[in-house]
């Protein structure tokens, strides 16, 4: 007979609160993970946090930032294993899903698709810091600390990622107009 855990007991065991879980899903989605795999990615982040606790490791200073970085690394791993065309079609599915906080419309869908495709064109390291900075809302020092790289490296990767992203989006806007 399966053991059932009451909701209140399950909430006490869950290492991530609702806001942290939403942030993890957003980082995974922006990293190219398809909507069908977002829950699995979230479970992987939870599992890694629980494994860390079980080993007796120090808890992360900022669980939300740590979880976002782990999610970003999972997204990079997933991204490396898929073909570019598969990612684009799966992102189209994500963009067509309704979102209460997002004003739906053809212009916003096109912009979302253009951003997703432009992110796909970036090297993994640049895409990772860009997603962590602007979508996971981590500061440059937080990103540097979580990834174990110098602050200057984070800044240079952000700068290097912004230029081709800006150019790509400018070209997309000109083609639509």
C-alpha atoms as a PDB file:
ATOM      1  CA  UNK A   1       0.000   0.000   0.000  1.00  0.00           C
ATOM      2  CA  UNK A   2       1.544   3.350  -1.016  1.00  0.00           C
ATOM      3  CA  UNK A   3       2.296   5.799   1.736  1.00  0.00           C
ATOM      4  CA  UNK A   4       0.465   9.074   1.338  1.00  0.00           C
ATOM      5  CA  UNK A   5       1.973  12.264   2.624  1.00  0.00           C
ATOM      6  CA  UNK A   6      -0.451  14.940   3.719  1.00  0.00           C
ATOM      7  CA  UNK A   7      -0.135  18.246   1.901  1.00  0.00           C
ATOM      8  CA  UNK A   8       1.050  20.106   4.992  1.00  0.00           C
ATOM      9  CA  UNK A   9       3.766  17.491   5.635  1.00  0.00           C
ATOM     10  CA  UNK A  10       4.817  17.605   1.971  1.00  0.00           C
ATOM     11  CA  UNK A  11       5.125  21.390   2.130  1.00  0.00           C
ATOM     12  CA  UNK A  12       7.414  21.067   5.156  1.00  0.00           C
ATOM     13  CA  UNK A  13       9.667  18.660   3.194  1.00  0.00           C
ATOM     14  CA  UNK A  14       9.771  20.740  -0.002  1.00  0.00           C
ATOM     15  CA  UNK A  15      13.079  22.622  -0.038  1.00  0.00           C
ATOM     16  CA  UNK A  16      11.760  25.336  -2.395  1.00  0.00           C
ATOM     17  CA  UNK A  17       8.943  27.762  -1.760  1.00  0.00           C
ATOM     18  CA  UNK A  18       6.425  28.627  -4.489  1.00  0.00           C
ATOM     19  CA  UNK A  19       8.297  31.727  -5.676  1.00  0.00           C
ATOM     20  CA  UNK A  20      11.576  29.814  -5.918  1.00  0.00           C
ATOM     21  CA  UNK A  21       9.855  27.017  -7.841  1.00  0.00           C
ATOM     22  CA  UNK A  22       8.368  29.543 -10.287  1.00  0.00           C
ATOM     23  CA  UNK A  23      11.798  31.100 -10.760  1.00  0.00           C
ATOM     24  CA  UNK A  24      13.308  27.663 -11.474  1.00  0.00           C
ATOM     25  CA  UNK A  25      10.608  26.914 -14.059  1.00  0.00           C
ATOM     26  CA  UNK A  26      11.208  30.301 -15.721  1.00  0.00           C
ATOM     27  CA  UNK A  27      14.976  29.770 -15.886  1.00  0.00           C
ATOM     28  CA  UNK A  28      14.477  26.293 -17.341  1.00  0.00           C
ATOM     29  CA  UNK A  29      11.969  27.543 -19.926  1.00  0.00           C
ATOM     30  CA  UNK A  30      14.174  30.454 -20.934  1.00  0.00           C
ATOM     31  CA  UNK A  31      17.099  28.075 -21.178  1.00  0.00           C
ATOM     32  CA  UNK A  32      15.255  26.090 -23.821  1.00  0.00           C
ATOM     33  CA  UNK A  33      13.717  23.267 -21.793  1.00  0.00           C
ATOM     34  CA  UNK A  34      10.323  22.311 -23.248  1.00  0.00           C
ATOM     35  CA  UNK A  35       7.207  22.852 -21.160  1.00  0.00           C
ATOM     36  CA  UNK A  36       6.670  19.101 -20.793  1.00  0.00           C
ATOM     37  CA  UNK A  37      10.069  18.758 -19.095  1.00  0.00           C
ATOM     38  CA  UNK A  38       9.845  21.762 -16.761  1.00  0.00           C
ATOM     39  CA  UNK A  39       8.416  19.727 -13.885  1.00  0.00           C
ATOM     40  CA  UNK A  40      11.203  17.151 -14.249  1.00  0.00           C
ATOM     41  CA  UNK A  41      13.772  19.939 -14.171  1.00  0.00           C
ATOM     42  CA  UNK A  42      12.165  21.396 -11.060  1.00  0.00           C
ATOM     43  CA  UNK A  43      12.311  17.970  -9.418  1.00  0.00           C
ATOM     44  CA  UNK A  44      16.006  17.702 -10.336  1.00  0.00           C
ATOM     45  CA  UNK A  45      16.702  21.008  -8.589  1.00  0.00           C
ATOM     46  CA  UNK A  46      14.769  19.858  -5.498  1.00  0.00           C
ATOM     47  CA  UNK A  47      16.618  16.551  -5.524  1.00  0.00           C
ATOM     48  CA  UNK A  48      20.012  18.251  -5.702  1.00  0.00           C
ATOM     49  CA  UNK A  49      19.120  20.487  -2.769  1.00  0.00           C
ATOM     50  CA  UNK A  50      17.911  17.510  -0.721  1.00  0.00           C
ATOM     51  CA  UNK A  51      21.050  15.524  -1.635  1.00  0.00           C
ATOM     52  CA  UNK A  52      23.142  18.476  -0.517  1.00  0.00           C
ATOM     53  CA  UNK A  53      21.338  18.486   2.832  1.00  0.00           C
ATOM     54  CA  UNK A  54      21.681  14.704   3.181  1.00  0.00           C
ATOM     55  CA  UNK A  55      25.451  14.932   2.653  1.00  0.00           C
ATOM     56  CA  UNK A  56      25.604  17.474   5.438  1.00  0.00           C
ATOM     57  CA  UNK A  57      26.877  20.252   3.170  1.00  0.00           C
ATOM     58  CA  UNK A  58      26.406  23.852   4.195  1.00  0.00           C
ATOM     59  CA  UNK A  59      23.046  25.186   3.023  1.00  0.00           C
ATOM     60  CA  UNK A  60      23.320  27.755   0.225  1.00  0.00           C
ATOM     61  CA  UNK A  61      23.403  31.386   1.404  1.00  0.00           C
ATOM     62  CA  UNK A  62      20.552  32.174  -0.959  1.00  0.00           C
ATOM     63  CA  UNK A  63      18.500  29.092  -1.845  1.00  0.00           C
ATOM     64  CA  UNK A  64      16.649  30.929  -4.620  1.00  0.00           C
ATOM     65  CA  UNK A  65      19.854  32.053  -6.324  1.00  0.00           C
ATOM     66  CA  UNK A  66      21.415  28.615  -5.897  1.00  0.00           C
ATOM     67  CA  UNK A  67      18.310  26.957  -7.375  1.00  0.00           C
ATOM     68  CA  UNK A  68      18.318  29.369 -10.338  1.00  0.00           C
ATOM     69  CA  UNK A  69      21.950  28.556 -11.102  1.00  0.00           C
ATOM     70  CA  UNK A  70      21.308  24.801 -10.850  1.00  0.00           C
ATOM     71  CA  UNK A  71      18.292  25.240 -13.152  1.00  0.00           C
ATOM     72  CA  UNK A  72      20.434  27.220 -15.563  1.00  0.00           C
ATOM     73  CA  UNK A  73      23.050  24.458 -15.592  1.00  0.00           C
ATOM     74  CA  UNK A  74      20.305  21.872 -16.212  1.00  0.00           C
ATOM     75  CA  UNK A  75      19.017  23.984 -19.090  1.00  0.00           C
ATOM     76  CA  UNK A  76      22.516  24.227 -20.580  1.00  0.00           C
ATOM     77  CA  UNK A  77      22.862  20.447 -20.348  1.00  0.00           C
ATOM     78  CA  UNK A  78      19.491  19.913 -22.001  1.00  0.00           C
ATOM     79  CA  UNK A  79      20.257  22.553 -24.607  1.00  0.00           C
ATOM     80  CA  UNK A  80      23.455  20.817 -25.631  1.00  0.00           C
ATOM     81  CA  UNK A  81      21.667  17.527 -26.285  1.00  0.00           C
ATOM     82  CA  UNK A  82      18.925  18.792 -28.588  1.00  0.00           C
ATOM     83  CA  UNK A  83      18.974  19.898 -32.197  1.00  0.00           C
ATOM     84  CA  UNK A  84      18.302  23.538 -32.935  1.00  0.00           C
ATOM     85  CA  UNK A  85      15.126  22.942 -34.914  1.00  0.00           C
ATOM     86  CA  UNK A  86      13.560  20.898 -32.121  1.00  0.00           C
ATOM     87  CA  UNK A  87      14.154  23.758 -29.666  1.00  0.00           C
ATOM     88  CA  UNK A  88      12.479  26.316 -31.911  1.00  0.00           C
ATOM     89  CA  UNK A  89       9.341  24.233 -32.395  1.00  0.00           C
ATOM     90  CA  UNK A  90       9.079  23.491 -28.686  1.00  0.00           C
ATOM     91  CA  UNK A  91       9.465  27.168 -27.829  1.00  0.00           C
ATOM     92  CA  UNK A  92       6.612  27.945 -30.212  1.00  0.00           C
ATOM     93  CA  UNK A  93       4.483  25.657 -28.069  1.00  0.00           C
ATOM     94  CA  UNK A  94       5.617  27.531 -24.946  1.00  0.00           C
ATOM     95  CA  UNK A  95       4.844  30.881 -26.518  1.00  0.00           C
ATOM     96  CA  UNK A  96       1.335  29.817 -27.502  1.00  0.00           C
ATOM     97  CA  UNK A  97       0.492  28.781 -23.918  1.00  0.00           C
ATOM     98  CA  UNK A  98      -1.598  31.464 -22.194  1.00  0.00           C
ATOM     99  CA  UNK A  99       0.061  33.343 -19.350  1.00  0.00           C
ATOM    100  CA  UNK A 100      -2.007  35.482 -16.997  1.00  0.00           C
ATOM    101  CA  UNK A 101       0.710  38.110 -16.570  1.00  0.00           C
ATOM    102  CA  UNK A 102       1.520  38.390 -20.272  1.00  0.00           C
ATOM    103  CA  UNK A 103      -0.512  40.459 -22.697  1.00  0.00           C
ATOM    104  CA  UNK A 104      -1.218  38.083 -25.522  1.00  0.00           C
ATOM    105  CA  UNK A 105      -1.107  39.246 -29.089  1.00  0.00           C
ATOM    106  CA  UNK A 106       0.659  38.537 -32.353  1.00  0.00           C
ATOM    107  CA  UNK A 107       3.282  41.238 -31.738  1.00  0.00           C
ATOM    108  CA  UNK A 108       4.181  39.815 -28.319  1.00  0.00           C
ATOM    109  CA  UNK A 109       4.330  36.278 -29.669  1.00  0.00           C
ATOM    110  CA  UNK A 110       6.640  37.377 -32.479  1.00  0.00           C
ATOM    111  CA  UNK A 111       8.820  39.282 -30.032  1.00  0.00           C
ATOM    112  CA  UNK A 112       8.945  36.274 -27.693  1.00  0.00           C
ATOM    113  CA  UNK A 113       9.903  34.000 -30.561  1.00  0.00           C
ATOM    114  CA  UNK A 114      12.567  36.433 -31.752  1.00  0.00           C
ATOM    115  CA  UNK A 115      14.055  36.619 -28.241  1.00  0.00           C
ATOM    116  CA  UNK A 116      13.993  32.816 -27.915  1.00  0.00           C
ATOM    117  CA  UNK A 117      15.703  32.363 -31.290  1.00  0.00           C
ATOM    118  CA  UNK A 118      18.250  35.070 -30.482  1.00  0.00           C
ATOM    119  CA  UNK A 119      19.028  33.351 -27.161  1.00  0.00           C
ATOM    120  CA  UNK A 120      19.484  30.082 -29.066  1.00  0.00           C
ATOM    121  CA  UNK A 121      22.151  31.743 -31.191  1.00  0.00           C
ATOM    122  CA  UNK A 122      24.292  32.709 -28.208  1.00  0.00           C
ATOM    123  CA  UNK A 123      27.104  30.559 -26.801  1.00  0.00           C
ATOM    124  CA  UNK A 124      26.034  28.584 -23.714  1.00  0.00           C
ATOM    125  CA  UNK A 125      28.108  30.675 -21.288  1.00  0.00           C
ATOM    126  CA  UNK A 126      26.666  33.957 -22.563  1.00  0.00           C
ATOM    127  CA  UNK A 127      23.094  32.661 -22.611  1.00  0.00           C
ATOM    128  CA  UNK A 128      23.497  31.363 -19.063  1.00  0.00           C
ATOM    129  CA  UNK A 129      24.603  34.689 -17.538  1.00  0.00           C
ATOM    130  CA  UNK A 130      22.004  36.611 -19.566  1.00  0.00           C
ATOM    131  CA  UNK A 131      19.157  34.395 -18.325  1.00  0.00           C
ATOM    132  CA  UNK A 132      20.416  34.488 -14.739  1.00  0.00           C
ATOM    133  CA  UNK A 133      20.764  38.284 -14.817  1.00  0.00           C
ATOM    134  CA  UNK A 134      17.603  39.358 -16.586  1.00  0.00           C
ATOM    135  CA  UNK A 135      15.154  36.505 -16.076  1.00  0.00           C
ATOM    136  CA  UNK A 136      16.215  35.038 -12.733  1.00  0.00           C
ATOM    137  CA  UNK A 137      16.963  38.599 -11.524  1.00  0.00           C
ATOM    138  CA  UNK A 138      20.319  37.742  -9.955  1.00  0.00           C
ATOM    139  CA  UNK A 139      22.860  40.504  -9.462  1.00  0.00           C
ATOM    140  CA  UNK A 140      26.244  40.336 -11.172  1.00  0.00           C
ATOM    141  CA  UNK A 141      28.015  39.475  -7.872  1.00  0.00           C
ATOM    142  CA  UNK A 142      25.427  36.734  -7.152  1.00  0.00           C
ATOM    143  CA  UNK A 143      25.972  35.202 -10.590  1.00  0.00           C
ATOM    144  CA  UNK A 144      29.738  35.343 -10.118  1.00  0.00           C
ATOM    145  CA  UNK A 145      29.516  33.711  -6.695  1.00  0.00           C
ATOM    146  CA  UNK A 146      27.108  30.991  -7.801  1.00  0.00           C
ATOM    147  CA  UNK A 147      29.017  30.125 -10.983  1.00  0.00           C
ATOM    148  CA  UNK A 148      32.411  30.449  -9.317  1.00  0.00           C
ATOM    149  CA  UNK A 149      33.727  32.970 -11.846  1.00  0.00           C
ATOM    150  CA  UNK A 150      35.057  36.529 -11.422  1.00  0.00           C
ATOM    151  CA  UNK A 151      32.638  39.465 -11.517  1.00  0.00           C
ATOM    152  CA  UNK A 152      34.541  40.845 -14.511  1.00  0.00           C
ATOM    153  CA  UNK A 153      33.918  37.622 -16.434  1.00  0.00           C
ATOM    154  CA  UNK A 154      30.185  37.882 -15.753  1.00  0.00           C
ATOM    155  CA  UNK A 155      30.201  41.498 -16.954  1.00  0.00           C
ATOM    156  CA  UNK A 156      32.156  40.691 -20.106  1.00  0.00           C
ATOM    157  CA  UNK A 157      29.850  37.782 -20.943  1.00  0.00           C
ATOM    158  CA  UNK A 158      26.791  40.007 -20.446  1.00  0.00           C
ATOM    159  CA  UNK A 159      28.327  42.685 -22.668  1.00  0.00           C
ATOM    160  CA  UNK A 160      29.333  40.136 -25.304  1.00  0.00           C
ATOM    161  CA  UNK A 161      25.835  38.610 -25.288  1.00  0.00           C
ATOM    162  CA  UNK A 162      23.979  41.917 -25.469  1.00  0.00           C
ATOM    163  CA  UNK A 163      25.470  43.111 -28.765  1.00  0.00           C
ATOM    164  CA  UNK A 164      24.470  40.149 -31.006  1.00  0.00           C
ATOM    165  CA  UNK A 165      21.133  39.882 -29.188  1.00  0.00           C
ATOM    166  CA  UNK A 166      20.407  43.566 -29.840  1.00  0.00           C
ATOM    167  CA  UNK A 167      21.460  43.268 -33.490  1.00  0.00           C
ATOM    168  CA  UNK A 168      19.363  40.148 -34.020  1.00  0.00           C
ATOM    169  CA  UNK A 169      16.284  41.751 -32.504  1.00  0.00           C
ATOM    170  CA  UNK A 170      16.808  44.940 -34.525  1.00  0.00           C
ATOM    171  CA  UNK A 171      16.951  42.877 -37.740  1.00  0.00           C
ATOM    172  CA  UNK A 172      13.812  40.943 -36.690  1.00  0.00           C
ATOM    173  CA  UNK A 173      11.967  44.227 -36.010  1.00  0.00           C
ATOM    174  CA  UNK A 174      12.984  45.630 -39.401  1.00  0.00           C
ATOM    175  CA  UNK A 175      11.774  42.495 -41.179  1.00  0.00           C
ATOM    176  CA  UNK A 176       8.386  42.671 -39.437  1.00  0.00           C
ATOM    177  CA  UNK A 177       7.942  46.390 -40.151  1.00  0.00           C
END
